[in-house]
Amino acid sequence: MIDRDQVHKVALLARLELTPAEEEQFTTQLGNILEYVEQLSELDVSNVPPTTRAIDVSNVTREDELQPYPDRDAILDSAPEQEGDYFKVPKILNSEE
């Protein structure tokens, strides 16, 4: 289904340097993966609804409640740099934009 030349070409396109042993190993592994996908394509899934996960996942969240810090000055004092009542951080935006 996939041969060593194809693995070599994909590695070259992905700028990966593979040893001959790695090319052989990936040829076998990718061949096994493609055979499995081929088996899956034989299944009748016309009555199966599309999903993004095998199991349902729901986020458990809490209400966001504003709570003042007990010792705001201690937190500001622990910062490497501060300017007034704020943390001072390095500039990350290019001034030319």
PDB file of N, CA and C in Angstrom:
ATOM      1  N   MET A   1       0.817  -1.185   0.000  1.00  0.00           N
ATOM      2  CA  MET A   1       0.000   0.000   0.000  1.00  0.00           C
ATOM      3  C   MET A   1       0.872   1.265   0.000  1.00  0.00           C
ATOM      4  N   ILE A   2       1.938   1.265   0.753  1.00  0.00           N
ATOM      5  CA  ILE A   2       2.894   2.373   0.756  1.00  0.00           C
ATOM      6  C   ILE A   2       4.290   1.757   0.692  1.00  0.00           C
ATOM      7  N   ASP A   3       5.146   2.354  -0.101  1.00  0.00           N
ATOM      8  CA  ASP A   3       6.487   1.783  -0.207  1.00  0.00           C
ATOM      9  C   ASP A   3       7.534   2.754   0.351  1.00  0.00           C
ATOM     10  N   ARG A   4       8.738   2.275   0.376  1.00  0.00           N
ATOM     11  CA  ARG A   4       9.833   3.025   0.991  1.00  0.00           C
ATOM     12  C   ARG A   4      10.113   4.331   0.247  1.00  0.00           C
ATOM     13  N   ASP A   5       9.950   4.323  -1.072  1.00  0.00           N
ATOM     14  CA  ASP A   5      10.160   5.546  -1.851  1.00  0.00           C
ATOM     15  C   ASP A   5       9.167   6.637  -1.460  1.00  0.00           C
ATOM     16  N   GLN A   6       7.915   6.246  -1.202  1.00  0.00           N
ATOM     17  CA  GLN A   6       6.915   7.222  -0.782  1.00  0.00           C
ATOM     18  C   GLN A   6       7.244   7.784   0.605  1.00  0.00           C
ATOM     19  N   VAL A   7       7.701   6.927   1.503  1.00  0.00           N
ATOM     20  CA  VAL A   7       8.101   7.386   2.841  1.00  0.00           C
ATOM     21  C   VAL A   7       9.279   8.338   2.722  1.00  0.00           C
ATOM     22  N   HIS A   8      10.228   8.005   1.858  1.00  0.00           N
ATOM     23  CA  HIS A   8      11.394   8.870   1.651  1.00  0.00           C
ATOM     24  C   HIS A   8      10.947  10.235   1.106  1.00  0.00           C
ATOM     25  N   LYS A   9      10.002  10.234   0.162  1.00  0.00           N
ATOM     26  CA  LYS A   9       9.514  11.486  -0.430  1.00  0.00           C
ATOM     27  C   LYS A   9       8.800  12.349   0.610  1.00  0.00           C
ATOM     28  N   VAL A  10       7.956  11.727   1.426  1.00  0.00           N
ATOM     29  CA  VAL A  10       7.239  12.473   2.469  1.00  0.00           C
ATOM     30  C   VAL A  10       8.228  13.033   3.489  1.00  0.00           C
ATOM     31  N   ALA A  11       9.216  12.249   3.851  1.00  0.00           N
ATOM     32  CA  ALA A  11      10.232  12.724   4.800  1.00  0.00           C
ATOM     33  C   ALA A  11      10.994  13.904   4.212  1.00  0.00           C
ATOM     34  N   LEU A  12      11.296  13.831   2.931  1.00  0.00           N
ATOM     35  CA  LEU A  12      12.000  14.916   2.264  1.00  0.00           C
ATOM     36  C   LEU A  12      11.144  16.192   2.249  1.00  0.00           C
ATOM     37  N   LEU A  13       9.853  16.044   1.934  1.00  0.00           N
ATOM     38  CA  LEU A  13       8.946  17.191   1.913  1.00  0.00           C
ATOM     39  C   LEU A  13       8.773  17.794   3.311  1.00  0.00           C
ATOM     40  N   ALA A  14       8.811  16.942   4.341  1.00  0.00           N
ATOM     41  CA  ALA A  14       8.672  17.411   5.717  1.00  0.00           C
ATOM     42  C   ALA A  14      10.013  17.834   6.305  1.00  0.00           C
ATOM     43  N   ARG A  15      11.055  17.763   5.505  1.00  0.00           N
ATOM     44  CA  ARG A  15      12.419  18.116   5.920  1.00  0.00           C
ATOM     45  C   ARG A  15      12.876  17.285   7.124  1.00  0.00           C
ATOM     46  N   LEU A  16      12.587  15.988   7.046  1.00  0.00           N
ATOM     47  CA  LEU A  16      13.025  15.051   8.075  1.00  0.00           C
ATOM     48  C   LEU A  16      14.176  14.225   7.527  1.00  0.00           C
ATOM     49  N   GLU A  17      15.187  14.064   8.325  1.00  0.00           N
ATOM     50  CA  GLU A  17      16.296  13.201   7.938  1.00  0.00           C
ATOM     51  C   GLU A  17      16.082  11.838   8.583  1.00  0.00           C
ATOM     52  N   LEU A  18      15.799  10.842   7.758  1.00  0.00           N
ATOM     53  CA  LEU A  18      15.568   9.489   8.264  1.00  0.00           C
ATOM     54  C   LEU A  18      16.694   8.575   7.816  1.00  0.00           C
ATOM     55  N   THR A  19      17.092   7.714   8.719  1.00  0.00           N
ATOM     56  CA  THR A  19      18.067   6.690   8.366  1.00  0.00           C
ATOM     57  C   THR A  19      17.342   5.610   7.553  1.00  0.00           C
ATOM     58  N   PRO A  20      18.086   4.778   6.823  1.00  0.00           N
ATOM     59  CA  PRO A  20      17.425   3.684   6.096  1.00  0.00           C
ATOM     60  C   PRO A  20      16.598   2.780   7.018  1.00  0.00           C
ATOM     61  N   ALA A  21      17.085   2.557   8.230  1.00  0.00           N
ATOM     62  CA  ALA A  21      16.335   1.720   9.181  1.00  0.00           C
ATOM     63  C   ALA A  21      15.019   2.400   9.581  1.00  0.00           C
ATOM     64  N   GLU A  22      15.060   3.722   9.780  1.00  0.00           N
ATOM     65  CA  GLU A  22      13.842   4.455  10.131  1.00  0.00           C
ATOM     66  C   GLU A  22      12.855   4.464   8.966  1.00  0.00           C
ATOM     67  N   GLU A  23      13.373   4.599   7.743  1.00  0.00           N
ATOM     68  CA  GLU A  23      12.491   4.557   6.577  1.00  0.00           C
ATOM     69  C   GLU A  23      11.778   3.212   6.497  1.00  0.00           C
ATOM     70  N   GLU A  24      12.509   2.153   6.755  1.00  0.00           N
ATOM     71  CA  GLU A  24      11.914   0.814   6.728  1.00  0.00           C
ATOM     72  C   GLU A  24      10.870   0.664   7.834  1.00  0.00           C
ATOM     73  N   GLN A  25      11.195   1.160   9.026  1.00  0.00           N
ATOM     74  CA  GLN A  25      10.274   1.080  10.157  1.00  0.00           C
ATOM     75  C   GLN A  25       8.994   1.876   9.871  1.00  0.00           C
ATOM     76  N   PHE A  26       9.125   3.101   9.351  1.00  0.00           N
ATOM     77  CA  PHE A  26       7.964   3.921   9.055  1.00  0.00           C
ATOM     78  C   PHE A  26       7.146   3.347   7.904  1.00  0.00           C
ATOM     79  N   THR A  27       7.805   2.711   6.952  1.00  0.00           N
ATOM     80  CA  THR A  27       7.076   2.076   5.856  1.00  0.00           C
ATOM     81  C   THR A  27       6.153   0.998   6.406  1.00  0.00           C
ATOM     82  N   THR A  28       6.663   0.183   7.314  1.00  0.00           N
ATOM     83  CA  THR A  28       5.850  -0.872   7.923  1.00  0.00           C
ATOM     84  C   THR A  28       4.726  -0.279   8.761  1.00  0.00           C
ATOM     85  N   GLN A  29       5.058   0.704   9.605  1.00  0.00           N
ATOM     86  CA  GLN A  29       4.058   1.297  10.492  1.00  0.00           C
ATOM     87  C   GLN A  29       2.966   2.021   9.703  1.00  0.00           C
ATOM     88  N   LEU A  30       3.349   2.821   8.727  1.00  0.00           N
ATOM     89  CA  LEU A  30       2.356   3.533   7.930  1.00  0.00           C
ATOM     90  C   LEU A  30       1.499   2.571   7.107  1.00  0.00           C
ATOM     91  N   GLY A  31       2.117   1.508   6.629  1.00  0.00           N
ATOM     92  CA  GLY A  31       1.356   0.481   5.906  1.00  0.00           C
ATOM     93  C   GLY A  31       0.293  -0.143   6.801  1.00  0.00           C
ATOM     94  N   ASN A  32       0.649  -0.424   8.059  1.00  0.00           N
ATOM     95  CA  ASN A  32      -0.318  -0.987   9.009  1.00  0.00           C
ATOM     96  C   ASN A  32      -1.457  -0.006   9.286  1.00  0.00           C
ATOM     97  N   ILE A  33      -1.120   1.261   9.424  1.00  0.00           N
ATOM     98  CA  ILE A  33      -2.146   2.281   9.673  1.00  0.00           C
ATOM     99  C   ILE A  33      -3.097   2.374   8.491  1.00  0.00           C
ATOM    100  N   LEU A  34      -2.546   2.410   7.285  1.00  0.00           N
ATOM    101  CA  LEU A  34      -3.391   2.512   6.095  1.00  0.00           C
ATOM    102  C   LEU A  34      -4.269   1.272   5.909  1.00  0.00           C
ATOM    103  N   GLU A  35      -3.766   0.102   6.255  1.00  0.00           N
ATOM    104  CA  GLU A  35      -4.580  -1.123   6.184  1.00  0.00           C
ATOM    105  C   GLU A  35      -5.743  -1.038   7.165  1.00  0.00           C
ATOM    106  N   TYR A  36      -5.495  -0.508   8.358  1.00  0.00           N
ATOM    107  CA  TYR A  36      -6.546  -0.373   9.358  1.00  0.00           C
ATOM    108  C   TYR A  36      -7.611   0.614   8.888  1.00  0.00           C
ATOM    109  N   VAL A  37      -7.192   1.730   8.303  1.00  0.00           N
ATOM    110  CA  VAL A  37      -8.144   2.715   7.788  1.00  0.00           C
ATOM    111  C   VAL A  37      -8.973   2.096   6.673  1.00  0.00           C
ATOM    112  N   GLU A  38      -8.348   1.270   5.849  1.00  0.00           N
ATOM    113  CA  GLU A  38      -9.080   0.592   4.783  1.00  0.00           C
ATOM    114  C   GLU A  38     -10.139  -0.336   5.361  1.00  0.00           C
ATOM    115  N   GLN A  39      -9.814  -1.034   6.450  1.00  0.00           N
ATOM    116  CA  GLN A  39     -10.798  -1.886   7.116  1.00  0.00           C
ATOM    117  C   GLN A  39     -11.965  -1.054   7.641  1.00  0.00           C
ATOM    118  N   LEU A  40     -11.666   0.104   8.208  1.00  0.00           N
ATOM    119  CA  LEU A  40     -12.717   0.968   8.741  1.00  0.00           C
ATOM    120  C   LEU A  40     -13.626   1.486   7.638  1.00  0.00           C
ATOM    121  N   SER A  41     -13.070   1.728   6.458  1.00  0.00           N
ATOM    122  CA  SER A  41     -13.885   2.267   5.363  1.00  0.00           C
ATOM    123  C   SER A  41     -14.887   1.240   4.842  1.00  0.00           C
ATOM    124  N   GLU A  42     -14.719  -0.027   5.203  1.00  0.00           N
ATOM    125  CA  GLU A  42     -15.645  -1.069   4.770  1.00  0.00           C
ATOM    126  C   GLU A  42     -16.908  -1.109   5.638  1.00  0.00           C
ATOM    127  N   LEU A  43     -16.895  -0.411   6.779  1.00  0.00           N
ATOM    128  CA  LEU A  43     -18.032  -0.441   7.688  1.00  0.00           C
ATOM    129  C   LEU A  43     -19.164   0.437   7.175  1.00  0.00           C
ATOM    130  N   ASP A  44     -20.408  -0.001   7.440  1.00  0.00           N
ATOM    131  CA  ASP A  44     -21.575   0.796   7.091  1.00  0.00           C
ATOM    132  C   ASP A  44     -21.869   1.737   8.258  1.00  0.00           C
ATOM    133  N   VAL A  45     -21.622   3.008   8.050  1.00  0.00           N
ATOM    134  CA  VAL A  45     -21.842   3.999   9.101  1.00  0.00           C
ATOM    135  C   VAL A  45     -22.940   4.985   8.701  1.00  0.00           C
ATOM    136  N   SER A  46     -23.801   4.580   7.801  1.00  0.00           N
ATOM    137  CA  SER A  46     -24.838   5.491   7.316  1.00  0.00           C
ATOM    138  C   SER A  46     -25.814   5.890   8.415  1.00  0.00           C
ATOM    139  N   ASN A  47     -26.002   5.043   9.426  1.00  0.00           N
ATOM    140  CA  ASN A  47     -26.931   5.359  10.521  1.00  0.00           C
ATOM    141  C   ASN A  47     -26.219   5.862  11.774  1.00  0.00           C
ATOM    142  N   VAL A  48     -24.951   6.165  11.670  1.00  0.00           N
ATOM    143  CA  VAL A  48     -24.192   6.647  12.815  1.00  0.00           C
ATOM    144  C   VAL A  48     -24.032   8.159  12.688  1.00  0.00           C
ATOM    145  N   PRO A  49     -24.506   8.914  13.686  1.00  0.00           N
ATOM    146  CA  PRO A  49     -24.366  10.379  13.588  1.00  0.00           C
ATOM    147  C   PRO A  49     -22.912  10.797  13.725  1.00  0.00           C
ATOM    148  N   PRO A  50     -22.517  11.835  13.013  1.00  0.00           N
ATOM    149  CA  PRO A  50     -21.128  12.296  13.119  1.00  0.00           C
ATOM    150  C   PRO A  50     -20.850  12.860  14.507  1.00  0.00           C
ATOM    151  N   THR A  51     -19.657  12.577  15.005  1.00  0.00           N
ATOM    152  CA  THR A  51     -19.252  13.069  16.315  1.00  0.00           C
ATOM    153  C   THR A  51     -17.814  13.547  16.255  1.00  0.00           C
ATOM    154  N   THR A  52     -17.430  14.308  17.257  1.00  0.00           N
ATOM    155  CA  THR A  52     -16.039  14.741  17.355  1.00  0.00           C
ATOM    156  C   THR A  52     -15.288  13.949  18.405  1.00  0.00           C
ATOM    157  N   ARG A  53     -16.045  13.267  19.282  1.00  0.00           N
ATOM    158  CA  ARG A  53     -15.424  12.462  20.346  1.00  0.00           C
ATOM    159  C   ARG A  53     -16.206  11.162  20.501  1.00  0.00           C
ATOM    160  N   ALA A  54     -15.533  10.175  21.034  1.00  0.00           N
ATOM    161  CA  ALA A  54     -16.191   8.887  21.245  1.00  0.00           C
ATOM    162  C   ALA A  54     -17.151   8.942  22.431  1.00  0.00           C
ATOM    163  N   ILE A  55     -16.863   9.814  23.392  1.00  0.00           N
ATOM    164  CA  ILE A  55     -17.737   9.953  24.555  1.00  0.00           C
ATOM    165  C   ILE A  55     -18.133  11.420  24.703  1.00  0.00           C
ATOM    166  N   ASP A  56     -19.273  11.659  25.345  1.00  0.00           N
ATOM    167  CA  ASP A  56     -19.709  13.032  25.575  1.00  0.00           C
ATOM    168  C   ASP A  56     -18.826  13.684  26.628  1.00  0.00           C
ATOM    169  N   VAL A  57     -18.462  14.927  26.367  1.00  0.00           N
ATOM    170  CA  VAL A  57     -17.649  15.694  27.292  1.00  0.00           C
ATOM    171  C   VAL A  57     -18.372  17.002  27.560  1.00  0.00           C
ATOM    172  N   SER A  58     -18.478  17.345  28.815  1.00  0.00           N
ATOM    173  CA  SER A  58     -19.070  18.646  29.135  1.00  0.00           C
ATOM    174  C   SER A  58     -18.140  19.367  30.095  1.00  0.00           C
ATOM    175  N   ASN A  59     -18.070  20.659  29.912  1.00  0.00           N
ATOM    176  CA  ASN A  59     -17.213  21.466  30.770  1.00  0.00           C
ATOM    177  C   ASN A  59     -17.908  21.724  32.102  1.00  0.00           C
ATOM    178  N   VAL A  60     -17.163  21.549  33.162  1.00  0.00           N
ATOM    179  CA  VAL A  60     -17.673  21.866  34.483  1.00  0.00           C
ATOM    180  C   VAL A  60     -17.066  23.206  34.857  1.00  0.00           C
ATOM    181  N   THR A  61     -17.915  24.212  34.907  1.00  0.00           N
ATOM    182  CA  THR A  61     -17.415  25.552  35.190  1.00  0.00           C
ATOM    183  C   THR A  61     -18.150  26.137  36.385  1.00  0.00           C
ATOM    184  N   ARG A  62     -17.582  27.157  36.914  1.00  0.00           N
ATOM    185  CA  ARG A  62     -18.210  27.857  38.025  1.00  0.00           C
ATOM    186  C   ARG A  62     -18.415  29.306  37.608  1.00  0.00           C
ATOM    187  N   GLU A  63     -19.243  29.992  38.316  1.00  0.00           N
ATOM    188  CA  GLU A  63     -19.454  31.408  38.058  1.00  0.00           C
ATOM    189  C   GLU A  63     -18.180  32.169  38.391  1.00  0.00           C
ATOM    190  N   ASP A  64     -17.848  33.122  37.583  1.00  0.00           N
ATOM    191  CA  ASP A  64     -16.678  33.954  37.808  1.00  0.00           C
ATOM    192  C   ASP A  64     -17.072  35.079  38.753  1.00  0.00           C
ATOM    193  N   GLU A  65     -16.544  35.033  39.963  1.00  0.00           N
ATOM    194  CA  GLU A  65     -16.893  36.032  40.962  1.00  0.00           C
ATOM    195  C   GLU A  65     -15.673  36.888  41.267  1.00  0.00           C
ATOM    196  N   LEU A  66     -15.866  38.177  41.243  1.00  0.00           N
ATOM    197  CA  LEU A  66     -14.791  39.112  41.532  1.00  0.00           C
ATOM    198  C   LEU A  66     -14.476  39.070  43.027  1.00  0.00           C
ATOM    199  N   GLN A  67     -13.212  38.820  43.353  1.00  0.00           N
ATOM    200  CA  GLN A  67     -12.775  38.782  44.747  1.00  0.00           C
ATOM    201  C   GLN A  67     -11.492  39.584  44.854  1.00  0.00           C
ATOM    202  N   PRO A  68     -11.460  40.569  45.723  1.00  0.00           N
ATOM    203  CA  PRO A  68     -10.230  41.356  45.866  1.00  0.00           C
ATOM    204  C   PRO A  68      -9.120  40.517  46.510  1.00  0.00           C
ATOM    205  N   TYR A  69      -7.891  40.847  46.145  1.00  0.00           N
ATOM    206  CA  TYR A  69      -6.754  40.165  46.741  1.00  0.00           C
ATOM    207  C   TYR A  69      -6.585  40.665  48.175  1.00  0.00           C
ATOM    208  N   PRO A  70      -6.258  39.759  49.089  1.00  0.00           N
ATOM    209  CA  PRO A  70      -6.130  40.177  50.479  1.00  0.00           C
ATOM    210  C   PRO A  70      -4.965  41.151  50.706  1.00  0.00           C
ATOM    211  N   ASP A  71      -3.863  40.942  50.014  1.00  0.00           N
ATOM    212  CA  ASP A  71      -2.708  41.805  50.233  1.00  0.00           C
ATOM    213  C   ASP A  71      -2.144  42.241  48.883  1.00  0.00           C
ATOM    214  N   ARG A  72      -2.823  43.187  48.277  1.00  0.00           N
ATOM    215  CA  ARG A  72      -2.475  43.645  46.936  1.00  0.00           C
ATOM    216  C   ARG A  72      -1.054  44.198  46.868  1.00  0.00           C
ATOM    217  N   ASP A  73      -0.648  44.944  47.856  1.00  0.00           N
ATOM    218  CA  ASP A  73       0.694  45.537  47.857  1.00  0.00           C
ATOM    219  C   ASP A  73       1.780  44.476  47.884  1.00  0.00           C
ATOM    220  N   ALA A  74       1.572  43.387  48.615  1.00  0.00           N
ATOM    221  CA  ALA A  74       2.556  42.308  48.666  1.00  0.00           C
ATOM    222  C   ALA A  74       2.703  41.644  47.301  1.00  0.00           C
ATOM    223  N   ILE A  75       1.592  41.516  46.593  1.00  0.00           N
ATOM    224  CA  ILE A  75       1.639  40.914  45.259  1.00  0.00           C
ATOM    225  C   ILE A  75       2.408  41.825  44.311  1.00  0.00           C
ATOM    226  N   LEU A  76       2.113  43.119  44.343  1.00  0.00           N
ATOM    227  CA  LEU A  76       2.828  44.065  43.484  1.00  0.00           C
ATOM    228  C   LEU A  76       4.314  44.120  43.839  1.00  0.00           C
ATOM    229  N   ASP A  77       4.632  44.055  45.115  1.00  0.00           N
ATOM    230  CA  ASP A  77       6.032  44.100  45.544  1.00  0.00           C
ATOM    231  C   ASP A  77       6.809  42.872  45.091  1.00  0.00           C
ATOM    232  N   SER A  78       6.113  41.763  44.842  1.00  0.00           N
ATOM    233  CA  SER A  78       6.813  40.544  44.431  1.00  0.00           C
ATOM    234  C   SER A  78       7.129  40.540  42.934  1.00  0.00           C
ATOM    235  N   ALA A  79       6.588  41.499  42.181  1.00  0.00           N
ATOM    236  CA  ALA A  79       6.835  41.567  40.737  1.00  0.00           C
ATOM    237  C   ALA A  79       8.254  42.057  40.481  1.00  0.00           C
ATOM    238  N   PRO A  80       8.904  41.570  39.421  1.00  0.00           N
ATOM    239  CA  PRO A  80      10.248  42.039  39.098  1.00  0.00           C
ATOM    240  C   PRO A  80      10.280  43.543  38.847  1.00  0.00           C
ATOM    241  N   GLU A  81       9.236  44.064  38.176  1.00  0.00           N
ATOM    242  CA  GLU A  81       9.145  45.501  37.928  1.00  0.00           C
ATOM    243  C   GLU A  81       7.697  45.923  38.074  1.00  0.00           C
ATOM    244  N   GLN A  82       7.498  47.120  38.573  1.00  0.00           N
ATOM    245  CA  GLN A  82       6.146  47.651  38.651  1.00  0.00           C
ATOM    246  C   GLN A  82       6.186  49.130  38.339  1.00  0.00           C
ATOM    247  N   GLU A  83       5.045  49.620  37.921  1.00  0.00           N
ATOM    248  CA  GLU A  83       4.920  51.032  37.619  1.00  0.00           C
ATOM    249  C   GLU A  83       3.611  51.503  38.245  1.00  0.00           C
ATOM    250  N   GLY A  84       3.711  52.197  39.334  1.00  0.00           N
ATOM    251  CA  GLY A  84       2.522  52.617  40.062  1.00  0.00           C
ATOM    252  C   GLY A  84       1.800  51.417  40.626  1.00  0.00           C
ATOM    253  N   ASP A  85       0.522  51.281  40.288  1.00  0.00           N
ATOM    254  CA  ASP A  85      -0.287  50.152  40.766  1.00  0.00           C
ATOM    255  C   ASP A  85      -0.351  49.002  39.768  1.00  0.00           C
ATOM    256  N   TYR A  86       0.591  48.942  38.822  1.00  0.00           N
ATOM    257  CA  TYR A  86       0.535  47.943  37.756  1.00  0.00           C
ATOM    258  C   TYR A  86       1.852  47.184  37.645  1.00  0.00           C
ATOM    259  N   PHE A  87       1.762  45.964  37.086  1.00  0.00           N
ATOM    260  CA  PHE A  87       2.963  45.204  36.747  1.00  0.00           C
ATOM    261  C   PHE A  87       3.550  45.819  35.487  1.00  0.00           C
ATOM    262  N   LYS A  88       4.852  45.934  35.434  1.00  0.00           N
ATOM    263  CA  LYS A  88       5.511  46.434  34.233  1.00  0.00           C
ATOM    264  C   LYS A  88       6.106  45.225  33.506  1.00  0.00           C
ATOM    265  N   VAL A  89       5.723  45.071  32.244  1.00  0.00           N
ATOM    266  CA  VAL A  89       6.178  43.918  31.457  1.00  0.00           C
ATOM    267  C   VAL A  89       6.875  44.423  30.214  1.00  0.00           C
ATOM    268  N   PRO A  90       7.715  43.588  29.595  1.00  0.00           N
ATOM    269  CA  PRO A  90       8.403  44.012  28.372  1.00  0.00           C
ATOM    270  C   PRO A  90       7.412  44.293  27.250  1.00  0.00           C
ATOM    271  N   LYS A  91       7.764  45.230  26.406  1.00  0.00           N
ATOM    272  CA  LYS A  91       6.944  45.567  25.251  1.00  0.00           C
ATOM    273  C   LYS A  91       7.050  44.442  24.233  1.00  0.00           C
ATOM    274  N   ILE A  92       5.908  43.980  23.734  1.00  0.00           N
ATOM    275  CA  ILE A  92       5.944  42.860  22.781  1.00  0.00           C
ATOM    276  C   ILE A  92       5.445  43.254  21.402  1.00  0.00           C
ATOM    277  N   LEU A  93       4.862  44.421  21.270  1.00  0.00           N
ATOM    278  CA  LEU A  93       4.365  44.846  19.955  1.00  0.00           C
ATOM    279  C   LEU A  93       5.402  45.667  19.241  1.00  0.00           C
ATOM    280  N   ASN A  94       5.462  45.480  17.954  1.00  0.00           N
ATOM    281  CA  ASN A  94       6.390  46.241  17.129  1.00  0.00           C
ATOM    282  C   ASN A  94       5.844  47.649  16.959  1.00  0.00           C
ATOM    283  N   SER A  95       6.658  48.633  17.187  1.00  0.00           N
ATOM    284  CA  SER A  95       6.196  50.027  17.094  1.00  0.00           C
ATOM    285  C   SER A  95       5.912  50.445  15.658  1.00  0.00           C
ATOM    286  N   GLU A  96       6.366  49.686  14.666  1.00  0.00           N
ATOM    287  CA  GLU A  96       6.179  50.025  13.257  1.00  0.00           C
ATOM    288  C   GLU A  96       4.789  49.642  12.763  1.00  0.00           C
ATOM    289  N   GLU A  97       4.045  48.879  13.523  1.00  0.00           N
ATOM    290  CA  GLU A  97       2.722  48.409  13.055  1.00  0.00           C
ATOM    291  C   GLU A  97       1.677  49.454  13.219  1.00  0.00           C
TER     292      GLU A  97
END
